[in-house]
Structures are given as structure tokens and as C-alpha cells.
Amino acid sequence: MFKRHRLLAAAAAVAASATVALTGLTAASASPARPSASGTEHLQLMSTSATSNTAPIIVYGVVTAGGVDHQGNKSDTVKLPGGSFKINHSQGKGTQHFNSKTCLIQISQHGTYTISGGTGKYKGIKGHGKYQFTLLAIGKKAKGKCSQNAPPTSFQQVIQASGPLSL
């Protein structure tokens, strides 16, 4: 359900990180409604840090809980009260735009994910679905030009995902 080139790379790094995060966004919930349940799970991850590899995540549907998504390049680990699970995600596809005058970075990507590898309450969890990743950032200016080596001065990343889940 979250990497750009210098400035664009920095934005790309942020997007890749976000994509990883995004994939991490697609998670299961913290407390199943019953011992064996299935249905649609929704995940949302949101971050305002371009340098952290963790982000808060909220999952709801079969399970409802808040926790932390630990982002990776192809796989995230979501930690919720009572256990954790893995989210494997595809590389996002979409658009990215960079305005060299204003240093505005805009990225919109979509992809797929799978959920597995549950521990604790989430042992046996299985799911899959689609995610949407959106990133807005403003790169840092140095000597009147957008810096390609510094983290953005402003950063917002949102990943939304949903799909079938069984627990």
C-alpha cells in the first residue's frame, strides 16, 4: 500500500523510499475480528520526513490498528500491536515532475503488493492488492539553484493501498 536523482535524484530517492513505504503501507490490521477472517484491508501510510526509513501506518478492514512501517527496497515490515508482517511490493510506475525554477518535485506512482510472513496475531496472514503513492517536495536552494545533494526543505508522502486479506 515508499529514490530520486540529485534534486531529481533526491526526489527519486524519496519516491523510491516512498514506494517502499507505500508497499509497506499495504498491511494487515492489528486485531482480527475473529479467529479466522477475510475481507478487504485498507492501508494508509503518511510521512513528512525525506530521510527516515520508518513511517506511521494505519490499517483497517479485517484488522484495525496503527503501527510503524519499516521501509525496504522491495519489502517492508509492518509492526502492529501483537505482531508484524511483511509487505512485498512492485516498483511503482507513474509520473514524476521537477521544476528547476521552484524546486518543486511531484511524483505519482501505482503498483501492486502482497502481504505474508506474519508473526504473533498475524501468523498465517495473506493478502494482496494495489497501491497509490503520491509525493510532493520542495528541494533546497543553494546559491540560487536547486541543490541535488540536500534533503528537500518540505516533504509530504502518502501511500494508500487496499485489497483482499485473510487471517
N, C-alpha and C. Protein backbone atom coordinates (compact mmCIF):
# COMPACT_ATOMS: atom_id res chain seq x y z
N MET A 1 0.84 -0.24 0.00
CA MET A 1 0.00 0.00 0.00
C MET A 1 0.84 0.24 0.00
N PHE A 2 7.74 4.03 -0.49
CA PHE A 2 7.92 4.47 -0.43
C PHE A 2 9.04 4.60 -0.26
N LYS A 3 13.48 6.57 -4.89
CA LYS A 3 14.62 7.44 -4.67
C LYS A 3 14.80 8.29 -5.92
N ARG A 4 15.05 9.53 -5.74
CA ARG A 4 15.14 10.44 -6.88
C ARG A 4 16.59 10.81 -7.19
N HIS A 5 16.85 11.39 -8.36
CA HIS A 5 18.18 11.80 -8.79
C HIS A 5 18.59 12.97 -7.93
N ARG A 6 19.80 13.37 -7.99
CA ARG A 6 20.22 14.54 -7.22
C ARG A 6 19.04 15.44 -7.37
N LEU A 7 18.76 16.31 -6.65
CA LEU A 7 17.49 17.02 -6.59
C LEU A 7 16.44 16.13 -7.20
N LEU A 8 16.60 15.77 -8.47
CA LEU A 8 15.63 14.84 -9.03
C LEU A 8 16.01 13.49 -8.45
N ALA A 9 17.32 13.27 -8.29
CA ALA A 9 17.78 12.03 -7.69
C ALA A 9 17.33 12.01 -6.25
N ALA A 10 17.41 13.14 -5.61
CA ALA A 10 16.94 13.22 -4.24
C ALA A 10 15.45 12.96 -4.22
N ALA A 11 14.75 13.51 -5.20
CA ALA A 11 13.32 13.27 -5.30
C ALA A 11 13.08 11.82 -5.64
N ALA A 12 13.91 11.26 -6.49
CA ALA A 12 13.77 9.85 -6.87
C ALA A 12 14.02 8.99 -5.65
N ALA A 13 15.01 9.35 -4.88
CA ALA A 13 15.32 8.60 -3.68
C ALA A 13 14.14 8.65 -2.74
N VAL A 14 13.55 9.79 -2.65
CA VAL A 14 12.38 9.96 -1.81
C VAL A 14 11.23 9.13 -2.35
N ALA A 15 11.05 9.15 -3.66
CA ALA A 15 9.97 8.39 -4.28
C ALA A 15 10.20 6.91 -4.12
N ALA A 16 11.45 6.48 -4.32
CA ALA A 16 11.75 5.07 -4.18
C ALA A 16 11.51 4.68 -2.74
N SER A 17 11.94 5.56 -1.85
CA SER A 17 11.73 5.31 -0.44
C SER A 17 10.25 5.28 -0.16
N ALA A 18 9.54 6.17 -0.81
CA ALA A 18 8.10 6.24 -0.62
C ALA A 18 7.44 5.02 -1.21
N THR A 19 7.94 4.57 -2.35
CA THR A 19 7.37 3.38 -2.97
C THR A 19 7.54 2.22 -2.03
N VAL A 20 8.71 2.17 -1.44
CA VAL A 20 8.96 1.11 -0.48
C VAL A 20 8.00 1.30 0.67
N ALA A 21 7.88 2.49 1.08
CA ALA A 21 6.97 2.79 2.15
C ALA A 21 5.59 2.46 1.73
N LEU A 22 5.28 2.81 0.55
CA LEU A 22 3.96 2.54 0.00
C LEU A 22 3.65 1.08 0.07
N THR A 23 4.63 0.33 -0.33
CA THR A 23 4.40 -1.08 -0.29
C THR A 23 4.20 -1.49 1.15
N GLY A 24 4.93 -0.86 2.01
CA GLY A 24 4.77 -1.15 3.41
C GLY A 24 3.41 -0.75 3.89
N LEU A 25 2.85 0.17 3.20
CA LEU A 25 1.54 0.66 3.60
C LEU A 25 0.51 -0.43 3.51
N THR A 26 0.62 -1.28 2.58
CA THR A 26 -0.37 -2.32 2.42
C THR A 26 -0.14 -3.36 3.49
N ALA A 27 -0.82 -3.25 4.56
CA ALA A 27 -0.59 -4.13 5.68
C ALA A 27 -1.88 -4.71 6.20
N ALA A 28 -1.73 -5.59 7.18
CA ALA A 28 -2.91 -6.18 7.81
C ALA A 28 -3.21 -5.42 9.08
N SER A 29 -4.32 -5.72 9.71
CA SER A 29 -4.69 -4.98 10.90
C SER A 29 -4.14 -5.62 12.15
N ALA A 30 -4.27 -4.91 13.26
CA ALA A 30 -3.67 -5.35 14.49
C ALA A 30 -4.48 -6.35 15.26
N SER A 31 -5.78 -6.32 15.15
CA SER A 31 -6.55 -7.28 15.93
C SER A 31 -7.67 -7.85 15.07
N PRO A 32 -7.57 -9.13 14.76
CA PRO A 32 -8.61 -9.72 13.93
C PRO A 32 -9.95 -9.73 14.65
N ALA A 33 -11.02 -9.57 13.88
CA ALA A 33 -12.36 -9.54 14.45
C ALA A 33 -12.74 -10.92 14.97
N ARG A 34 -12.20 -11.97 14.40
CA ARG A 34 -12.48 -13.35 14.83
C ARG A 34 -11.28 -14.20 14.50
N PRO A 35 -11.22 -15.43 15.00
CA PRO A 35 -10.05 -16.27 14.79
C PRO A 35 -9.67 -16.44 13.32
N SER A 36 -10.64 -16.51 12.43
CA SER A 36 -10.35 -16.65 11.01
C SER A 36 -11.26 -15.68 10.27
N ALA A 37 -10.65 -14.70 9.62
CA ALA A 37 -11.46 -13.69 8.96
C ALA A 37 -10.86 -13.35 7.60
N SER A 38 -11.71 -12.85 6.71
CA SER A 38 -11.23 -12.38 5.42
C SER A 38 -12.11 -11.24 4.96
N GLY A 39 -11.55 -10.40 4.11
CA GLY A 39 -12.26 -9.25 3.59
C GLY A 39 -11.29 -8.29 2.97
N THR A 40 -11.74 -7.07 2.78
CA THR A 40 -10.88 -6.05 2.18
C THR A 40 -10.13 -5.31 3.27
N GLU A 41 -8.83 -5.18 3.08
CA GLU A 41 -7.98 -4.43 4.02
C GLU A 41 -7.54 -3.14 3.34
N HIS A 42 -7.55 -2.06 4.11
CA HIS A 42 -7.10 -0.76 3.62
C HIS A 42 -5.89 -0.35 4.43
N LEU A 43 -4.93 0.27 3.77
CA LEU A 43 -3.72 0.70 4.45
C LEU A 43 -3.39 2.13 4.03
N GLN A 44 -2.96 2.92 4.98
CA GLN A 44 -2.53 4.28 4.66
C GLN A 44 -1.28 4.61 5.44
N LEU A 45 -0.30 5.10 4.73
CA LEU A 45 0.97 5.50 5.30
C LEU A 45 1.20 6.96 4.93
N MET A 46 1.72 7.71 5.88
CA MET A 46 1.92 9.13 5.64
C MET A 46 3.22 9.55 6.31
N SER A 47 4.02 10.35 5.61
CA SER A 47 5.29 10.79 6.18
C SER A 47 5.61 12.20 5.74
N THR A 48 6.30 12.92 6.61
CA THR A 48 6.78 14.25 6.26
C THR A 48 8.31 14.30 6.39
N SER A 49 8.95 13.14 6.48
CA SER A 49 10.41 13.07 6.57
C SER A 49 10.99 12.43 5.33
N ALA A 50 11.90 13.14 4.66
CA ALA A 50 12.55 12.61 3.47
C ALA A 50 13.74 11.73 3.82
N THR A 51 14.12 11.68 5.09
CA THR A 51 15.33 10.95 5.47
C THR A 51 15.08 9.72 6.33
N SER A 52 13.87 9.53 6.85
CA SER A 52 13.57 8.39 7.71
C SER A 52 13.11 7.19 6.90
N ASN A 53 13.49 5.99 7.33
CA ASN A 53 13.01 4.78 6.65
C ASN A 53 11.85 4.13 7.42
N THR A 54 11.26 4.88 8.34
CA THR A 54 10.06 4.41 9.04
C THR A 54 8.96 5.46 8.88
N ALA A 55 7.73 4.98 8.93
CA ALA A 55 6.59 5.89 8.82
C ALA A 55 5.40 5.29 9.55
N PRO A 56 4.54 6.15 10.10
CA PRO A 56 3.33 5.63 10.74
C PRO A 56 2.38 5.05 9.69
N ILE A 57 1.68 3.99 10.08
CA ILE A 57 0.74 3.34 9.19
C ILE A 57 -0.54 3.02 9.95
N ILE A 58 -1.67 3.16 9.26
CA ILE A 58 -2.96 2.76 9.82
C ILE A 58 -3.55 1.74 8.86
N VAL A 59 -4.00 0.62 9.41
CA VAL A 59 -4.65 -0.41 8.62
C VAL A 59 -6.06 -0.61 9.17
N TYR A 60 -7.01 -0.87 8.27
CA TYR A 60 -8.38 -1.10 8.73
C TYR A 60 -9.12 -1.98 7.73
N GLY A 61 -10.04 -2.75 8.26
CA GLY A 61 -10.81 -3.70 7.46
C GLY A 61 -10.93 -4.99 8.25
N VAL A 62 -10.24 -6.02 7.81
CA VAL A 62 -10.20 -7.29 8.55
C VAL A 62 -9.59 -7.03 9.92
N VAL A 63 -8.57 -6.21 9.93
CA VAL A 63 -7.90 -5.83 11.18
C VAL A 63 -7.82 -4.30 11.21
N THR A 64 -7.93 -3.73 12.38
CA THR A 64 -7.82 -2.29 12.52
C THR A 64 -6.78 -1.97 13.57
N ALA A 65 -5.73 -1.24 13.16
CA ALA A 65 -4.65 -0.91 14.09
C ALA A 65 -3.75 0.16 13.50
N GLY A 66 -2.99 0.77 14.37
CA GLY A 66 -1.96 1.71 13.97
C GLY A 66 -0.62 1.15 14.37
N GLY A 67 0.40 1.44 13.57
CA GLY A 67 1.72 0.94 13.87
C GLY A 67 2.79 1.67 13.08
N VAL A 68 3.89 0.96 12.82
CA VAL A 68 5.03 1.54 12.13
C VAL A 68 5.42 0.67 10.95
N ASP A 69 5.65 1.32 9.83
CA ASP A 69 6.13 0.64 8.62
C ASP A 69 7.64 0.88 8.52
N HIS A 70 8.41 -0.21 8.47
CA HIS A 70 9.85 -0.14 8.29
C HIS A 70 10.11 -0.42 6.81
N GLN A 71 10.48 0.61 6.08
CA GLN A 71 10.57 0.54 4.63
C GLN A 71 11.86 -0.10 4.14
N GLY A 72 11.69 -0.88 3.06
CA GLY A 72 12.83 -1.50 2.40
C GLY A 72 12.69 -1.32 0.90
N ASN A 73 13.69 -1.72 0.14
CA ASN A 73 13.65 -1.51 -1.31
C ASN A 73 12.55 -2.31 -1.99
N LYS A 74 12.37 -3.57 -1.59
CA LYS A 74 11.35 -4.41 -2.21
C LYS A 74 10.36 -4.97 -1.20
N SER A 75 10.71 -4.86 0.07
CA SER A 75 9.88 -5.45 1.11
C SER A 75 9.89 -4.54 2.34
N ASP A 76 8.72 -4.35 2.94
CA ASP A 76 8.58 -3.58 4.17
C ASP A 76 8.18 -4.53 5.29
N THR A 77 8.46 -4.12 6.52
CA THR A 77 7.98 -4.84 7.68
C THR A 77 7.05 -3.91 8.45
N VAL A 78 5.82 -4.35 8.65
CA VAL A 78 4.84 -3.57 9.39
C VAL A 78 4.74 -4.14 10.80
N LYS A 79 4.97 -3.30 11.80
CA LYS A 79 4.87 -3.72 13.20
C LYS A 79 3.63 -3.08 13.80
N LEU A 80 2.74 -3.95 14.28
CA LEU A 80 1.49 -3.53 14.92
C LEU A 80 1.44 -4.14 16.31
N PRO A 81 0.55 -3.66 17.17
CA PRO A 81 0.42 -4.29 18.49
C PRO A 81 0.11 -5.79 18.33
N GLY A 82 0.92 -6.63 18.94
CA GLY A 82 0.67 -8.07 18.91
C GLY A 82 1.36 -8.82 17.79
N GLY A 83 2.14 -8.16 16.94
CA GLY A 83 2.83 -8.89 15.88
C GLY A 83 3.25 -8.01 14.72
N SER A 84 3.67 -8.70 13.65
CA SER A 84 4.15 -7.99 12.47
C SER A 84 3.87 -8.81 11.22
N PHE A 85 4.10 -8.23 10.05
CA PHE A 85 4.01 -8.95 8.79
C PHE A 85 4.83 -8.22 7.74
N LYS A 86 5.07 -8.91 6.64
CA LYS A 86 5.86 -8.36 5.54
C LYS A 86 4.95 -7.90 4.42
N ILE A 87 5.37 -6.84 3.76
CA ILE A 87 4.69 -6.37 2.55
C ILE A 87 5.74 -6.34 1.45
N ASN A 88 5.56 -7.18 0.46
CA ASN A 88 6.43 -7.17 -0.72
C ASN A 88 5.71 -6.35 -1.77
N HIS A 89 6.43 -5.43 -2.39
CA HIS A 89 5.77 -4.54 -3.34
C HIS A 89 6.53 -4.42 -4.65
N SER A 90 5.77 -4.15 -5.69
CA SER A 90 6.38 -3.93 -7.00
C SER A 90 6.98 -2.53 -7.04
N GLN A 91 7.87 -2.33 -8.00
CA GLN A 91 8.40 -0.99 -8.22
C GLN A 91 7.26 -0.17 -8.79
N GLY A 92 7.07 1.01 -8.29
CA GLY A 92 5.98 1.85 -8.75
C GLY A 92 6.18 2.34 -10.18
N LYS A 93 5.06 2.52 -10.86
CA LYS A 93 5.08 3.09 -12.20
C LYS A 93 4.21 4.33 -12.17
N GLY A 94 4.63 5.34 -12.90
CA GLY A 94 3.84 6.56 -12.93
C GLY A 94 4.63 7.72 -13.45
N THR A 95 4.32 8.89 -12.93
CA THR A 95 4.94 10.11 -13.42
C THR A 95 5.71 10.83 -12.33
N GLN A 96 6.69 11.60 -12.77
CA GLN A 96 7.40 12.48 -11.85
C GLN A 96 7.76 13.75 -12.61
N HIS A 97 7.64 14.85 -11.90
CA HIS A 97 7.93 16.15 -12.49
C HIS A 97 8.82 16.95 -11.55
N PHE A 98 9.74 17.70 -12.14
CA PHE A 98 10.63 18.54 -11.37
C PHE A 98 10.68 19.91 -12.02
N ASN A 99 10.44 20.96 -11.23
CA ASN A 99 10.51 22.32 -11.72
C ASN A 99 11.82 22.93 -11.22
N SER A 100 12.76 23.13 -12.13
CA SER A 100 14.09 23.62 -11.74
C SER A 100 14.09 25.08 -11.27
N LYS A 101 13.02 25.81 -11.54
CA LYS A 101 12.94 27.21 -11.06
C LYS A 101 12.42 27.28 -9.63
N THR A 102 11.43 26.43 -9.32
CA THR A 102 10.81 26.46 -7.99
C THR A 102 11.29 25.33 -7.09
N CYS A 103 12.00 24.35 -7.66
CA CYS A 103 12.48 23.17 -6.95
C CYS A 103 11.35 22.23 -6.52
N LEU A 104 10.16 22.39 -7.12
CA LEU A 104 9.02 21.53 -6.77
C LEU A 104 9.19 20.15 -7.41
N ILE A 105 9.02 19.13 -6.60
CA ILE A 105 9.09 17.74 -7.04
C ILE A 105 7.71 17.13 -6.85
N GLN A 106 7.17 16.52 -7.90
CA GLN A 106 5.86 15.87 -7.84
C GLN A 106 6.01 14.45 -8.39
N ILE A 107 5.57 13.47 -7.60
CA ILE A 107 5.65 12.08 -8.04
C ILE A 107 4.31 11.41 -7.76
N SER A 108 3.84 10.67 -8.74
CA SER A 108 2.61 9.89 -8.58
C SER A 108 2.87 8.52 -9.19
N GLN A 109 2.79 7.48 -8.36
CA GLN A 109 3.07 6.13 -8.83
C GLN A 109 2.02 5.16 -8.30
N HIS A 110 1.89 4.03 -8.99
CA HIS A 110 0.98 2.97 -8.58
C HIS A 110 1.69 1.64 -8.76
N GLY A 111 1.20 0.63 -8.05
CA GLY A 111 1.80 -0.70 -8.15
C GLY A 111 0.98 -1.72 -7.40
N THR A 112 1.58 -2.89 -7.22
CA THR A 112 0.91 -4.00 -6.53
C THR A 112 1.74 -4.44 -5.32
N TYR A 113 1.10 -5.18 -4.43
CA TYR A 113 1.78 -5.68 -3.24
C TYR A 113 1.20 -7.04 -2.83
N THR A 114 1.96 -7.75 -2.00
CA THR A 114 1.49 -8.96 -1.35
C THR A 114 1.85 -8.87 0.13
N ILE A 115 1.02 -9.47 0.97
CA ILE A 115 1.25 -9.49 2.41
C ILE A 115 1.43 -10.95 2.84
N SER A 116 2.46 -11.22 3.65
CA SER A 116 2.72 -12.57 4.16
C SER A 116 3.69 -12.44 5.34
N GLY A 117 4.16 -13.59 5.82
CA GLY A 117 5.18 -13.61 6.86
C GLY A 117 4.75 -13.02 8.19
N GLY A 118 3.51 -13.26 8.58
CA GLY A 118 3.02 -12.71 9.83
C GLY A 118 3.60 -13.39 11.06
N THR A 119 3.72 -12.60 12.14
CA THR A 119 4.15 -13.12 13.43
C THR A 119 3.08 -12.74 14.47
N GLY A 120 3.06 -13.45 15.59
CA GLY A 120 2.11 -13.14 16.65
C GLY A 120 0.68 -13.27 16.16
N LYS A 121 -0.15 -12.25 16.41
CA LYS A 121 -1.56 -12.26 15.98
C LYS A 121 -1.72 -12.41 14.47
N TYR A 122 -0.67 -12.14 13.73
CA TYR A 122 -0.76 -12.11 12.27
C TYR A 122 -0.17 -13.34 11.59
N LYS A 123 0.14 -14.35 12.39
CA LYS A 123 0.66 -15.58 11.81
C LYS A 123 -0.36 -16.14 10.83
N GLY A 124 0.09 -16.49 9.62
CA GLY A 124 -0.79 -17.04 8.60
C GLY A 124 -1.48 -15.99 7.74
N ILE A 125 -1.16 -14.72 7.95
CA ILE A 125 -1.79 -13.65 7.18
C ILE A 125 -1.40 -13.76 5.70
N LYS A 126 -2.37 -13.48 4.84
CA LYS A 126 -2.12 -13.49 3.40
C LYS A 126 -2.99 -12.42 2.77
N GLY A 127 -2.40 -11.69 1.84
CA GLY A 127 -3.17 -10.66 1.15
C GLY A 127 -2.42 -10.12 -0.05
N HIS A 128 -3.12 -9.33 -0.82
CA HIS A 128 -2.52 -8.70 -2.00
C HIS A 128 -3.41 -7.52 -2.40
N GLY A 129 -2.90 -6.68 -3.26
CA GLY A 129 -3.71 -5.56 -3.70
C GLY A 129 -2.92 -4.56 -4.51
N LYS A 130 -3.48 -3.37 -4.60
CA LYS A 130 -2.88 -2.28 -5.36
C LYS A 130 -2.63 -1.10 -4.45
N TYR A 131 -1.59 -0.33 -4.79
CA TYR A 131 -1.29 0.87 -4.01
C TYR A 131 -1.14 2.08 -4.91
N GLN A 132 -1.33 3.25 -4.32
CA GLN A 132 -1.11 4.54 -4.98
C GLN A 132 -0.17 5.34 -4.10
N PHE A 133 0.88 5.86 -4.69
CA PHE A 133 1.89 6.62 -3.98
C PHE A 133 1.93 8.04 -4.52
N THR A 134 1.89 9.03 -3.63
CA THR A 134 1.96 10.42 -4.03
C THR A 134 3.01 11.13 -3.18
N LEU A 135 3.86 11.91 -3.84
CA LEU A 135 4.91 12.64 -3.14
C LEU A 135 4.96 14.07 -3.66
N LEU A 136 5.04 15.00 -2.74
CA LEU A 136 5.27 16.41 -3.05
C LEU A 136 6.46 16.85 -2.19
N ALA A 137 7.40 17.54 -2.81
CA ALA A 137 8.56 18.02 -2.06
C ALA A 137 9.07 19.31 -2.69
N ILE A 138 9.73 20.09 -1.88
CA ILE A 138 10.39 21.28 -2.38
C ILE A 138 11.86 21.13 -2.03
N GLY A 139 12.69 21.09 -3.08
CA GLY A 139 14.12 20.93 -2.90
C GLY A 139 14.74 22.17 -2.30
N LYS A 140 15.87 21.96 -1.67
CA LYS A 140 16.60 23.06 -1.04
C LYS A 140 17.35 23.85 -2.11
N LYS A 141 17.33 25.18 -1.97
CA LYS A 141 18.07 26.04 -2.90
C LYS A 141 19.41 26.41 -2.27
N ALA A 142 20.44 26.36 -3.09
CA ALA A 142 21.77 26.79 -2.66
C ALA A 142 22.35 27.65 -3.79
N LYS A 143 22.73 28.86 -3.45
CA LYS A 143 23.28 29.80 -4.43
C LYS A 143 22.33 30.00 -5.61
N GLY A 144 21.02 30.06 -5.31
CA GLY A 144 20.03 30.32 -6.33
C GLY A 144 19.63 29.13 -7.19
N LYS A 145 20.19 27.97 -6.92
CA LYS A 145 19.87 26.77 -7.70
C LYS A 145 19.38 25.66 -6.78
N CYS A 146 18.58 24.78 -7.34
CA CYS A 146 18.08 23.64 -6.57
C CYS A 146 19.25 22.71 -6.26
N SER A 147 19.43 22.40 -4.99
CA SER A 147 20.52 21.51 -4.57
C SER A 147 20.17 20.07 -4.89
N GLN A 148 21.15 19.35 -5.41
CA GLN A 148 20.95 17.94 -5.72
C GLN A 148 21.51 17.05 -4.61
N ASN A 149 22.12 17.65 -3.60
CA ASN A 149 22.77 16.88 -2.55
C ASN A 149 22.10 16.99 -1.19
N ALA A 150 21.10 17.82 -1.08
CA ALA A 150 20.47 18.05 0.23
C ALA A 150 19.05 17.51 0.24
N PRO A 151 18.59 17.04 1.39
CA PRO A 151 17.19 16.61 1.50
C PRO A 151 16.28 17.81 1.22
N PRO A 152 15.08 17.55 0.74
CA PRO A 152 14.13 18.64 0.47
C PRO A 152 13.82 19.43 1.74
N THR A 153 13.45 20.70 1.57
CA THR A 153 13.10 21.53 2.72
C THR A 153 11.68 21.23 3.20
N SER A 154 10.83 20.78 2.29
CA SER A 154 9.46 20.37 2.62
C SER A 154 9.18 19.05 1.92
N PHE A 155 8.47 18.16 2.59
CA PHE A 155 8.27 16.82 2.06
C PHE A 155 6.96 16.24 2.57
N GLN A 156 6.17 15.70 1.66
CA GLN A 156 4.93 15.01 2.03
C GLN A 156 4.80 13.76 1.17
N GLN A 157 4.57 12.63 1.82
CA GLN A 157 4.40 11.36 1.13
C GLN A 157 3.16 10.67 1.67
N VAL A 158 2.30 10.21 0.76
CA VAL A 158 1.09 9.49 1.17
C VAL A 158 1.01 8.22 0.32
N ILE A 159 0.79 7.11 0.97
CA ILE A 159 0.60 5.84 0.27
C ILE A 159 -0.74 5.26 0.73
N GLN A 160 -1.57 4.95 -0.22
CA GLN A 160 -2.86 4.32 0.08
C GLN A 160 -2.92 3.00 -0.67
N ALA A 161 -3.40 1.97 0.00
CA ALA A 161 -3.46 0.65 -0.61
C ALA A 161 -4.69 -0.09 -0.12
N SER A 162 -5.15 -1.04 -0.93
CA SER A 162 -6.25 -1.88 -0.49
C SER A 162 -6.29 -3.16 -1.33
N GLY A 163 -6.89 -4.19 -0.73
CA GLY A 163 -7.04 -5.46 -1.41
C GLY A 163 -7.51 -6.52 -0.44
N PRO A 164 -7.77 -7.72 -0.98
CA PRO A 164 -8.26 -8.81 -0.13
C PRO A 164 -7.20 -9.30 0.85
N LEU A 165 -7.67 -9.67 2.05
CA LEU A 165 -6.77 -10.15 3.11
C LEU A 165 -7.47 -11.27 3.85
N SER A 166 -6.70 -12.29 4.23
CA SER A 166 -7.25 -13.33 5.09
C SER A 166 -6.29 -13.54 6.27
N LEU A 167 -6.89 -13.84 7.40
CA LEU A 167 -6.12 -14.02 8.63
C LEU A 167 -6.73 -15.15 9.41
